[in-house]
Structures are given as structure tokens and as C-alpha cells.
N, C-alpha and C. Protein backbone atom coordinates (compact mmCIF):
# COMPACT_ATOMS: atom_id res chain seq x y z
N UNK A 1 1.68 4.26 12.88
CA UNK A 1 1.29 3.14 12.02
C UNK A 1 1.80 3.32 10.59
N UNK A 2 1.88 4.55 10.14
CA UNK A 2 2.33 4.80 8.77
C UNK A 2 3.77 4.33 8.57
N UNK A 3 4.65 4.69 9.47
CA UNK A 3 6.05 4.29 9.34
C UNK A 3 6.19 2.77 9.45
N UNK A 4 5.40 2.17 10.31
CA UNK A 4 5.40 0.72 10.45
C UNK A 4 4.98 0.07 9.13
N UNK A 5 3.93 0.58 8.52
CA UNK A 5 3.44 0.04 7.25
C UNK A 5 4.52 0.15 6.16
N UNK A 6 5.20 1.27 6.12
CA UNK A 6 6.27 1.45 5.14
C UNK A 6 7.38 0.43 5.34
N UNK A 7 7.75 0.22 6.59
CA UNK A 7 8.80 -0.75 6.91
C UNK A 7 8.41 -2.15 6.46
N UNK A 8 7.19 -2.54 6.77
CA UNK A 8 6.71 -3.87 6.40
C UNK A 8 6.68 -4.01 4.88
N UNK A 9 6.17 -3.02 4.19
CA UNK A 9 6.07 -3.10 2.73
C UNK A 9 7.46 -3.21 2.09
N UNK A 10 8.43 -2.50 2.62
CA UNK A 10 9.78 -2.62 2.10
C UNK A 10 10.33 -4.03 2.30
N UNK A 11 10.02 -4.62 3.45
CA UNK A 11 10.54 -5.95 3.76
C UNK A 11 9.90 -7.06 2.94
N UNK A 12 8.64 -6.87 2.53
CA UNK A 12 7.95 -7.92 1.78
C UNK A 12 7.89 -7.62 0.29
N UNK A 13 8.57 -6.60 -0.16
CA UNK A 13 8.46 -6.17 -1.55
C UNK A 13 9.03 -7.19 -2.55
N UNK A 14 9.69 -8.21 -2.06
CA UNK A 14 10.22 -9.26 -2.94
C UNK A 14 9.14 -10.20 -3.45
N UNK A 15 7.96 -10.20 -2.81
CA UNK A 15 6.89 -11.14 -3.15
C UNK A 15 5.60 -10.37 -3.41
N UNK A 16 5.07 -10.48 -4.63
CA UNK A 16 3.89 -9.72 -5.02
C UNK A 16 2.67 -10.01 -4.14
N UNK A 17 2.39 -11.28 -3.87
CA UNK A 17 1.21 -11.63 -3.07
C UNK A 17 1.33 -11.14 -1.64
N UNK A 18 2.49 -11.29 -1.07
CA UNK A 18 2.72 -10.83 0.29
C UNK A 18 2.65 -9.30 0.36
N UNK A 19 3.19 -8.64 -0.65
CA UNK A 19 3.13 -7.19 -0.71
C UNK A 19 1.68 -6.71 -0.75
N UNK A 20 0.88 -7.34 -1.59
CA UNK A 20 -0.53 -6.95 -1.71
C UNK A 20 -1.29 -7.21 -0.40
N UNK A 21 -1.01 -8.33 0.22
CA UNK A 21 -1.67 -8.67 1.49
C UNK A 21 -1.33 -7.63 2.56
N UNK A 22 -0.07 -7.28 2.68
CA UNK A 22 0.35 -6.32 3.70
C UNK A 22 -0.15 -4.91 3.39
N UNK A 23 -0.20 -4.56 2.13
CA UNK A 23 -0.74 -3.25 1.75
C UNK A 23 -2.22 -3.17 2.10
N UNK A 24 -2.96 -4.21 1.82
CA UNK A 24 -4.38 -4.23 2.16
C UNK A 24 -4.60 -4.10 3.66
N UNK A 25 -3.79 -4.78 4.45
CA UNK A 25 -3.90 -4.68 5.90
C UNK A 25 -3.56 -3.26 6.37
N UNK A 26 -2.55 -2.68 5.78
CA UNK A 26 -2.15 -1.32 6.17
C UNK A 26 -3.27 -0.33 5.87
N UNK A 27 -3.93 -0.48 4.75
CA UNK A 27 -4.98 0.45 4.37
C UNK A 27 -6.17 0.40 5.33
N UNK A 28 -6.39 -0.73 5.93
CA UNK A 28 -7.47 -0.87 6.91
C UNK A 28 -7.14 -0.13 8.20
N UNK A 29 -5.86 -0.14 8.56
CA UNK A 29 -5.44 0.40 9.86
C UNK A 29 -5.04 1.87 9.87
N UNK A 30 -4.97 2.49 8.71
CA UNK A 30 -4.53 3.88 8.65
C UNK A 30 -5.71 4.83 8.53
N UNK A 31 -5.51 6.04 9.03
CA UNK A 31 -6.53 7.08 8.85
C UNK A 31 -6.38 7.68 7.46
N UNK A 32 -7.38 8.40 7.01
CA UNK A 32 -7.45 8.90 5.64
C UNK A 32 -6.20 9.68 5.22
N UNK A 33 -5.72 10.55 6.07
CA UNK A 33 -4.55 11.37 5.75
C UNK A 33 -3.30 10.49 5.56
N UNK A 34 -3.18 9.47 6.39
CA UNK A 34 -2.04 8.56 6.29
C UNK A 34 -2.12 7.74 5.01
N UNK A 35 -3.33 7.37 4.62
CA UNK A 35 -3.52 6.60 3.39
C UNK A 35 -3.03 7.40 2.19
N UNK A 36 -3.33 8.69 2.17
CA UNK A 36 -2.88 9.54 1.06
C UNK A 36 -1.36 9.61 1.00
N UNK A 37 -0.73 9.72 2.15
CA UNK A 37 0.74 9.76 2.21
C UNK A 37 1.31 8.42 1.76
N UNK A 38 0.71 7.33 2.24
CA UNK A 38 1.18 5.99 1.87
C UNK A 38 1.01 5.76 0.37
N UNK A 39 -0.09 6.22 -0.18
CA UNK A 39 -0.35 6.06 -1.61
C UNK A 39 0.76 6.72 -2.43
N UNK A 40 1.07 7.96 -2.11
CA UNK A 40 2.12 8.68 -2.83
C UNK A 40 3.47 7.97 -2.68
N UNK A 41 3.77 7.54 -1.49
CA UNK A 41 5.03 6.86 -1.21
C UNK A 41 5.12 5.54 -1.99
N UNK A 42 4.04 4.77 -1.97
CA UNK A 42 4.02 3.48 -2.67
C UNK A 42 4.23 3.64 -4.17
N UNK A 43 3.53 4.60 -4.78
CA UNK A 43 3.68 4.79 -6.22
C UNK A 43 5.09 5.28 -6.56
N UNK A 44 5.67 6.09 -5.69
CA UNK A 44 7.02 6.57 -5.93
C UNK A 44 8.04 5.43 -5.80
N UNK A 45 7.88 4.62 -4.75
CA UNK A 45 8.86 3.59 -4.43
C UNK A 45 8.65 2.29 -5.22
N UNK A 46 7.40 1.89 -5.42
CA UNK A 46 7.10 0.59 -6.01
C UNK A 46 6.28 0.66 -7.30
N UNK A 47 6.01 1.85 -7.78
CA UNK A 47 5.16 2.02 -8.95
C UNK A 47 5.64 1.30 -10.20
N UNK A 48 6.94 1.23 -10.38
CA UNK A 48 7.49 0.56 -11.56
C UNK A 48 7.25 -0.95 -11.53
N UNK A 49 7.27 -1.52 -10.34
CA UNK A 49 7.17 -2.98 -10.21
C UNK A 49 5.75 -3.43 -9.93
N UNK A 50 5.04 -2.71 -9.06
CA UNK A 50 3.74 -3.17 -8.58
C UNK A 50 2.60 -2.21 -8.92
N UNK A 51 2.65 -1.56 -10.06
CA UNK A 51 1.60 -0.61 -10.43
C UNK A 51 0.22 -1.26 -10.42
N UNK A 52 0.12 -2.47 -10.93
CA UNK A 52 -1.18 -3.16 -10.99
C UNK A 52 -1.69 -3.45 -9.59
N UNK A 53 -0.82 -3.90 -8.72
CA UNK A 53 -1.20 -4.20 -7.33
C UNK A 53 -1.64 -2.91 -6.63
N UNK A 54 -0.89 -1.86 -6.81
CA UNK A 54 -1.22 -0.58 -6.18
C UNK A 54 -2.56 -0.06 -6.68
N UNK A 55 -2.76 -0.12 -7.99
CA UNK A 55 -4.04 0.32 -8.55
C UNK A 55 -5.20 -0.47 -7.96
N UNK A 56 -5.02 -1.77 -7.86
CA UNK A 56 -6.09 -2.64 -7.35
C UNK A 56 -6.39 -2.32 -5.88
N UNK A 57 -5.38 -2.22 -5.06
CA UNK A 57 -5.59 -1.99 -3.62
C UNK A 57 -6.19 -0.61 -3.35
N UNK A 58 -5.66 0.41 -4.01
CA UNK A 58 -6.15 1.75 -3.74
C UNK A 58 -7.53 1.99 -4.37
N UNK A 59 -7.83 1.33 -5.48
CA UNK A 59 -9.17 1.48 -6.06
C UNK A 59 -10.20 0.74 -5.22
N UNK A 60 -9.81 -0.40 -4.65
CA UNK A 60 -10.69 -1.12 -3.73
C UNK A 60 -11.05 -0.26 -2.54
N UNK A 61 -10.06 0.46 -2.06
CA UNK A 61 -10.26 1.35 -0.91
C UNK A 61 -11.23 2.47 -1.29
N UNK A 62 -11.06 3.06 -2.46
CA UNK A 62 -11.94 4.14 -2.91
C UNK A 62 -13.38 3.63 -3.06
N UNK A 63 -13.53 2.41 -3.53
CA UNK A 63 -14.86 1.85 -3.73
C UNK A 63 -15.59 1.62 -2.40
N UNK A 64 -14.82 1.38 -1.34
CA UNK A 64 -15.45 1.09 -0.06
C UNK A 64 -15.75 2.35 0.75
N UNK A 65 -15.26 3.50 0.28
CA UNK A 65 -15.49 4.75 1.03
C UNK A 65 -16.81 5.36 0.65
């Protein structure tokens, strides 16, 4: 699921709303260890463009745990 999520996020990275929607879906479907890997990958790959979106999605996840 992790590699699938990465592929989808790369494909939708042109659109902020779509990126956020797909990231939120991915976070629901991944186990905790995969979420940590995805988080690091997302900030490395998309941190310059979508830092606000990443902060929002990952903080939402932390709040629900």
C-alpha cells in the first residue's frame, strides 16, 4: 500500500486539493510504520510546495491517535 500511495501522490501532485484528498485516504489505509515512512518521503519530495497541506494532514492524524 505504501508504494501505491507514493505513486498516486506523484500523479496528483499537480493539484493541491486532489493531493490533500489522496494523502488523507492513504493515511487511513496505512499502518503506523508505513505512515512514518510516507511522512518523511512526502516532506522530502513535496515539502517545498505543499508544506501547509502536509502539516495539516499529518497533524490531523496525530490528533486522532
